[in-house]
C-alpha atoms as a PDB file:
ATOM      1  CA  MET A   1     -29.426  28.695  16.320  1.00  0.00           C
ATOM      2  CA  ILE A   2     -27.468  26.923  13.558  1.00  0.00           C
ATOM      3  CA  MET A   3     -24.563  24.743  14.581  1.00  0.00           C
ATOM      4  CA  SER A   4     -21.696  24.565  12.125  1.00  0.00           C
ATOM      5  CA  GLU A   5     -19.250  21.713  11.889  1.00  0.00           C
ATOM      6  CA  PRO A   6     -15.722  22.421  13.045  1.00  0.00           C
ATOM      7  CA  LYS A   7     -13.230  23.112  10.271  1.00  0.00           C
ATOM      8  CA  ARG A   8     -11.358  20.005   9.229  1.00  0.00           C
ATOM      9  CA  GLU A   9      -7.659  20.206   8.636  1.00  0.00           C
ATOM     10  CA  ILE A  10      -6.616  19.847   4.996  1.00  0.00           C
ATOM     11  CA  LYS A  11      -3.690  17.464   4.796  1.00  0.00           C
ATOM     12  CA  ASN A  12      -0.864  18.582   2.526  1.00  0.00           C
ATOM     13  CA  GLY A  13       2.781  17.539   2.494  1.00  0.00           C
ATOM     14  CA  LYS A  14       4.645  14.806   4.321  1.00  0.00           C
ATOM     15  CA  TRP A  15       2.636  12.885   6.894  1.00  0.00           C
ATOM     16  CA  LYS A  16       3.341  10.333   9.621  1.00  0.00           C
ATOM     17  CA  GLU A  17       0.790   8.385  11.633  1.00  0.00           C
ATOM     18  CA  PHE A  18       1.550   6.775  14.986  1.00  0.00           C
ATOM     19  CA  ASN A  19      -0.402   4.323  17.142  1.00  0.00           C
ATOM     20  CA  LYS A  20      -1.213   4.915  20.831  1.00  0.00           C
ATOM     21  CA  ARG A  21       2.156   3.432  21.839  1.00  0.00           C
ATOM     22  CA  GLY A  22       4.067   5.852  19.627  1.00  0.00           C
ATOM     23  CA  ILE A  23       4.966   3.286  16.951  1.00  0.00           C
ATOM     24  CA  LEU A  24       5.020   4.616  13.384  1.00  0.00           C
ATOM     25  CA  ILE A  25       2.257   2.857  11.434  1.00  0.00           C
ATOM     26  CA  ALA A  26       2.115   4.865   8.176  1.00  0.00           C
ATOM     27  CA  GLU A  27       4.012   7.566   6.319  1.00  0.00           C
ATOM     28  CA  GLY A  28       3.736   9.328   3.005  1.00  0.00           C
ATOM     29  CA  SER A  29       2.467  12.564   1.502  1.00  0.00           C
ATOM     30  CA  TYR A  30      -0.911  14.173   0.988  1.00  0.00           C
ATOM     31  CA  VAL A  31      -2.107  16.618  -1.641  1.00  0.00           C
ATOM     32  CA  ASN A  32      -5.451  18.193  -0.695  1.00  0.00           C
ATOM     33  CA  ASN A  33      -6.361  15.328   1.674  1.00  0.00           C
ATOM     34  CA  LYS A  34      -5.453  12.661  -0.903  1.00  0.00           C
ATOM     35  CA  LYS A  35      -2.538  10.259  -0.608  1.00  0.00           C
ATOM     36  CA  HIS A  36       0.012  11.053  -3.288  1.00  0.00           C
ATOM     37  CA  GLY A  37       3.367   9.428  -4.019  1.00  0.00           C
ATOM     38  CA  VAL A  38       4.964   6.608  -2.045  1.00  0.00           C
ATOM     39  CA  TRP A  39       3.164   5.420   1.095  1.00  0.00           C
ATOM     40  CA  ARG A  40       4.466   2.890   3.604  1.00  0.00           C
ATOM     41  CA  GLU A  41       2.392   1.044   6.205  1.00  0.00           C
ATOM     42  CA  TYR A  42       3.943  -0.662   9.208  1.00  0.00           C
ATOM     43  CA  CYS A  43       2.908  -3.353  11.695  1.00  0.00           C
ATOM     44  CA  ASP A  44       0.993  -1.889  14.633  1.00  0.00           C
ATOM     45  CA  PHE A  45       2.991  -3.952  17.144  1.00  0.00           C
ATOM     46  CA  THR A  46       6.533  -4.190  15.770  1.00  0.00           C
ATOM     47  CA  GLY A  47       6.911  -1.273  13.366  1.00  0.00           C
ATOM     48  CA  GLN A  48       8.037  -3.713  10.639  1.00  0.00           C
ATOM     49  CA  ILE A  49       7.128  -2.603   7.097  1.00  0.00           C
ATOM     50  CA  LEU A  50       4.003  -4.314   5.728  1.00  0.00           C
ATOM     51  CA  ILE A  51       3.184  -2.444   2.515  1.00  0.00           C
ATOM     52  CA  GLU A  52       4.829   0.047   0.198  1.00  0.00           C
ATOM     53  CA  GLU A  53       2.558   1.439  -2.491  1.00  0.00           C
ATOM     54  CA  ASN A  54       2.209   4.419  -4.786  1.00  0.00           C
ATOM     55  CA  TYR A  55      -0.752   6.764  -5.067  1.00  0.00           C
ATOM     56  CA  GLU A  56      -1.790   9.388  -7.555  1.00  0.00           C
ATOM     57  CA  TYR A  57      -4.144  11.866  -5.899  1.00  0.00           C
ATOM     58  CA  GLY A  58      -5.800   9.270  -3.660  1.00  0.00           C
ATOM     59  CA  THR A  59      -5.852   6.368  -6.109  1.00  0.00           C
ATOM     60  CA  PRO A  60      -3.412   3.434  -6.041  1.00  0.00           C
ATOM     61  CA  HIS A  61      -1.250   3.897  -9.133  1.00  0.00           C
ATOM     62  CA  GLY A  62       2.180   2.389  -9.711  1.00  0.00           C
ATOM     63  CA  SER A  63       4.204  -0.209  -7.876  1.00  0.00           C
ATOM     64  CA  TYR A  64       2.864  -2.157  -4.898  1.00  0.00           C
ATOM     65  CA  THR A  65       4.893  -4.373  -2.549  1.00  0.00           C
ATOM     66  CA  ALA A  66       3.681  -6.320   0.497  1.00  0.00           C
ATOM     67  CA  PHE A  67       6.089  -7.877   2.990  1.00  0.00           C
ATOM     68  CA  HIS A  68       6.189 -10.944   5.246  1.00  0.00           C
ATOM     69  CA  PRO A  69       6.827 -10.268   8.966  1.00  0.00           C
ATOM     70  CA  ASN A  70      10.483 -11.321   8.435  1.00  0.00           C
ATOM     71  CA  GLY A  71      10.983  -8.521   5.883  1.00  0.00           C
ATOM     72  CA  GLN A  72      10.953 -10.752   2.790  1.00  0.00           C
ATOM     73  CA  ILE A  73       8.686  -9.691  -0.072  1.00  0.00           C
ATOM     74  CA  LEU A  74       5.259 -11.363   0.043  1.00  0.00           C
ATOM     75  CA  SER A  75       3.913  -9.973  -3.231  1.00  0.00           C
ATOM     76  CA  GLU A  76       4.645  -7.276  -5.763  1.00  0.00           C
ATOM     77  CA  GLY A  77       2.898  -5.845  -8.777  1.00  0.00           C
ATOM     78  CA  ASN A  78       1.437  -2.678 -10.244  1.00  0.00           C
ATOM     79  CA  PHE A  79      -1.776  -0.700 -10.078  1.00  0.00           C
ATOM     80  CA  TYR A  80      -3.107   1.486 -12.848  1.00  0.00           C
ATOM     81  CA  MET A  81      -5.658   4.082 -11.672  1.00  0.00           C
ATOM     82  CA  GLY A  82      -6.792   1.853  -8.778  1.00  0.00           C
ATOM     83  CA  LEU A  83      -6.867  -1.428 -10.700  1.00  0.00           C
ATOM     84  CA  ARG A  84      -4.399  -4.303 -10.526  1.00  0.00           C
ATOM     85  CA  MET A  85      -2.774  -4.607 -13.929  1.00  0.00           C
ATOM     86  CA  GLY A  86      -0.196  -7.053 -15.217  1.00  0.00           C
ATOM     87  CA  TYR A  87       1.628  -9.654 -13.202  1.00  0.00           C
ATOM     88  CA  PHE A  88       1.589  -9.852  -9.423  1.00  0.00           C
ATOM     89  CA  GLN A  89       4.248 -12.179  -8.094  1.00  0.00           C
ATOM     90  CA  VAL A  90       3.803 -14.004  -4.780  1.00  0.00           C
ATOM     91  CA  PHE A  91       6.716 -15.246  -2.651  1.00  0.00           C
ATOM     92  CA  ASP A  92       7.114 -17.465   0.412  1.00  0.00           C
ATOM     93  CA  GLU A  93       8.879 -16.350   3.628  1.00  0.00           C
ATOM     94  CA  HIS A  94      12.246 -17.422   2.165  1.00  0.00           C
ATOM     95  CA  GLY A  95      11.973 -15.322  -1.004  1.00  0.00           C
ATOM     96  CA  ASN A  96      11.000 -18.184  -3.340  1.00  0.00           C
ATOM     97  CA  LYS A  97       8.397 -17.277  -5.965  1.00  0.00           C
ATOM     98  CA  THR A  98       5.259 -19.409  -5.447  1.00  0.00           C
ATOM     99  CA  HIS A  99       2.689 -17.842  -7.800  1.00  0.00           C
ATOM    100  CA  ASN A 100       2.524 -15.540 -10.771  1.00  0.00           C
ATOM    101  CA  LEU A 101      -0.911 -13.923 -11.103  1.00  0.00           C
ATOM    102  CA  LEU A 102      -1.954 -11.981 -14.191  1.00  0.00           C
ATOM    103  CA  PHE A 103      -4.555  -9.223 -13.801  1.00  0.00           C
ATOM    104  CA  ASP A 104      -6.424  -7.165 -16.364  1.00  0.00           C
ATOM    105  CA  ASN A 105      -8.584  -4.320 -15.021  1.00  0.00           C
ATOM    106  CA  ASP A 106      -8.443  -5.847 -11.510  1.00  0.00           C
ATOM    107  CA  ILE A 107      -9.681  -9.244 -12.744  1.00  0.00           C
ATOM    108  CA  GLN A 108      -7.371 -12.217 -12.354  1.00  0.00           C
ATOM    109  CA  ILE A 109      -7.122 -13.887 -15.745  1.00  0.00           C
ATOM    110  CA  GLU A 110      -4.227 -16.281 -15.160  1.00  0.00           C
ATOM    111  CA  GLU A 111      -2.466 -18.045 -12.295  1.00  0.00           C
ATOM    112  CA  ALA A 112       0.774 -19.946 -12.639  1.00  0.00           C
ATOM    113  CA  CYS A 113       2.283 -21.849  -9.732  1.00  0.00           C
ATOM    114  CA  GLU A 114       6.059 -21.950  -9.601  1.00  0.00           C
ATOM    115  CA  VAL A 115       7.792 -25.305  -9.203  1.00  0.00           C
END
């Protein structure tokens, strides 16, 4: 007797994920089981936004923003086909820029601290 695996659902279209307490923890879209377009991730306890990033068929591609718990931007930059490219800016909880990091093919090649 051969046992077959149950069919797995193919994710397509808009998607929302909730934790056990019913708090939204992620939302975005899938195309053939791959994240595609804008995705947002939220804190498991408070529902506060943590990350907003863009995907192209499962690969980070485009703008990326991470947030402090108070809603201020923590860092922002861009991905190109899964690799950090260009400048990523880092901010403190009050919105003041603290670092400017330069990446090339996901390798940090420069760091400038803001005064």
